[in-house]
Amino acid sequence: MSNSHISYYQPDLQVLYCSLEKVESWHHSNLSAPYWRVYHNRAGESQIVIRKEEYEKRIELTRDRIVVIPPNTAFRSDHIDSFYHFYLHFIARPPFYGTSERGQAEPLRFSGICQKGE
């Protein structure tokens, strides 16, 4: 048997924060930071609203959705009831240090495997 070497890309990531917490209050009107954010909520009614010069985009944080927010993206957050909030904040080195292609949050949906959402 031959031993073939499989090479994988290993991005240079630095995790800043990672936690799963019960959130009672998540009303923030102006969030933006120089790092990536990953959000997932198991239940509850929460949302983020991405603000760009020409529009606002509302993204519901649901059980089947992970939201990835690029660095320096302005947004606000809100919720109705308490909820469990998973968050991961990290810094990525090139080529992933900037924003998404469209410069906005990218919702991902679960359906067995992770897929890019609408």
Protein backbone atom coordinates (compact mmCIF):
# COMPACT_ATOMS: atom_id res chain seq x y z
CA MET A 1 0.00 0.00 0.00
CA SER A 2 1.24 3.44 -0.80
CA ASN A 3 1.20 6.20 1.73
CA SER A 4 -0.12 9.23 -0.12
CA HIS A 5 0.21 12.59 1.56
CA ILE A 6 -3.03 14.59 1.64
CA SER A 7 -2.55 18.30 2.03
CA TYR A 8 -5.22 20.45 3.70
CA TYR A 9 -5.41 24.21 3.86
CA GLN A 10 -5.11 25.41 7.45
CA PRO A 11 -6.30 29.00 7.78
CA ASP A 12 -4.58 31.19 10.32
CA LEU A 13 -7.38 31.88 12.83
CA GLN A 14 -7.25 33.40 16.28
CA VAL A 15 -10.32 32.75 18.44
CA LEU A 16 -11.15 35.75 20.64
CA TYR A 17 -14.36 34.58 22.35
CA CYS A 18 -16.46 31.45 22.19
CA SER A 19 -19.42 30.70 24.43
CA LEU A 20 -22.97 29.40 24.78
CA GLU A 21 -24.93 31.61 27.15
CA LYS A 22 -28.48 32.25 28.21
CA VAL A 23 -29.26 35.81 27.13
CA GLU A 24 -31.89 37.88 28.91
CA SER A 25 -31.14 41.19 27.17
CA TRP A 26 -29.74 41.54 23.65
CA HIS A 27 -30.82 45.01 22.54
CA HIS A 28 -27.80 46.68 20.93
CA SER A 29 -28.26 49.55 18.50
CA ASN A 30 -24.76 49.89 17.04
CA LEU A 31 -22.46 46.87 16.86
CA SER A 32 -19.36 46.71 14.69
CA ALA A 33 -15.94 45.25 15.38
CA PRO A 34 -12.72 44.41 13.49
CA TYR A 35 -13.30 40.64 13.82
CA TRP A 36 -15.55 37.92 12.40
CA ARG A 37 -18.64 36.82 14.35
CA VAL A 38 -20.49 33.52 14.13
CA TYR A 39 -23.94 33.34 15.76
CA HIS A 40 -26.33 30.46 16.33
CA ASN A 41 -29.40 30.39 18.55
CA ARG A 42 -31.14 27.15 19.48
CA ALA A 43 -34.50 28.76 20.22
CA GLY A 44 -36.19 32.08 20.88
CA GLU A 45 -37.00 35.00 18.68
CA SER A 46 -33.89 37.03 18.01
CA GLN A 47 -32.56 38.89 15.02
CA ILE A 48 -29.83 41.09 13.69
CA VAL A 49 -30.30 43.95 11.25
CA ILE A 50 -27.38 44.71 8.95
CA ARG A 51 -27.06 48.37 8.07
CA LYS A 52 -25.55 49.45 4.78
CA GLU A 53 -25.78 52.92 3.27
CA GLU A 54 -28.59 51.99 0.88
CA TYR A 55 -30.54 49.35 2.82
CA GLU A 56 -31.17 47.34 5.97
CA LYS A 57 -31.27 43.55 5.92
CA ARG A 58 -33.09 41.71 8.71
CA ILE A 59 -31.80 38.21 9.54
CA GLU A 60 -33.76 36.02 11.94
CA LEU A 61 -31.53 33.83 14.10
CA THR A 62 -33.25 30.45 14.03
CA ARG A 63 -32.43 26.90 15.09
CA ASP A 64 -31.51 25.90 11.51
CA ARG A 65 -29.36 28.94 10.73
CA ILE A 66 -25.82 30.02 11.47
CA VAL A 67 -24.97 33.63 10.72
CA VAL A 68 -21.43 34.67 9.79
CA ILE A 69 -20.80 38.41 10.10
CA PRO A 70 -17.69 39.88 8.44
CA PRO A 71 -15.40 42.34 10.25
CA ASN A 72 -16.48 45.98 10.46
CA THR A 73 -20.10 45.21 9.55
CA ALA A 74 -22.54 47.62 11.22
CA PHE A 75 -25.60 45.92 12.68
CA ARG A 76 -28.05 46.00 15.54
CA SER A 77 -29.53 43.13 17.55
CA ASP A 78 -32.87 42.52 19.19
CA HIS A 79 -34.97 39.75 20.74
CA ILE A 80 -38.36 39.08 22.34
CA ASP A 81 -37.72 36.35 24.95
CA SER A 82 -34.61 34.98 26.62
CA PHE A 83 -32.65 32.51 24.49
CA TYR A 84 -29.47 30.45 24.36
CA HIS A 85 -26.91 32.20 22.19
CA PHE A 86 -23.81 30.54 20.77
CA TYR A 87 -21.20 33.00 19.57
CA LEU A 88 -17.70 32.77 18.21
CA HIS A 89 -15.55 35.84 17.56
CA PHE A 90 -12.33 35.34 15.64
CA ILE A 91 -9.67 37.03 13.55
CA ALA A 92 -8.67 35.47 10.24
CA ARG A 93 -5.49 36.15 8.32
CA PRO A 94 -5.34 36.50 4.51
CA PRO A 95 -7.13 35.57 2.35
CA PHE A 96 -10.05 35.61 4.84
CA TYR A 97 -9.35 38.79 6.77
CA GLY A 98 -11.79 41.01 4.85
CA THR A 99 -15.49 40.88 4.22
CA SER A 100 -17.70 38.58 2.21
CA GLU A 101 -18.06 39.03 -1.53
CA ARG A 102 -21.09 41.27 -1.02
CA GLY A 103 -19.78 42.80 2.21
CA GLN A 104 -22.68 41.56 4.33
CA ALA A 105 -23.61 38.88 6.82
CA GLU A 106 -23.98 35.44 5.31
CA PRO A 107 -26.75 33.25 6.74
CA LEU A 108 -26.11 29.50 6.61
CA ARG A 109 -28.83 26.86 6.97
CA PHE A 110 -28.64 23.31 8.25
CA SER A 111 -30.19 20.47 6.28
CA GLY A 112 -28.09 17.50 7.22
CA ILE A 113 -24.99 19.46 6.20
CA CYS A 114 -24.30 23.17 6.26
CA GLN A 115 -25.47 25.05 3.18
CA LYS A 116 -25.42 28.70 2.24
CA GLY A 117 -28.87 30.24 2.87
CA GLU A 118 -30.89 32.70 0.88
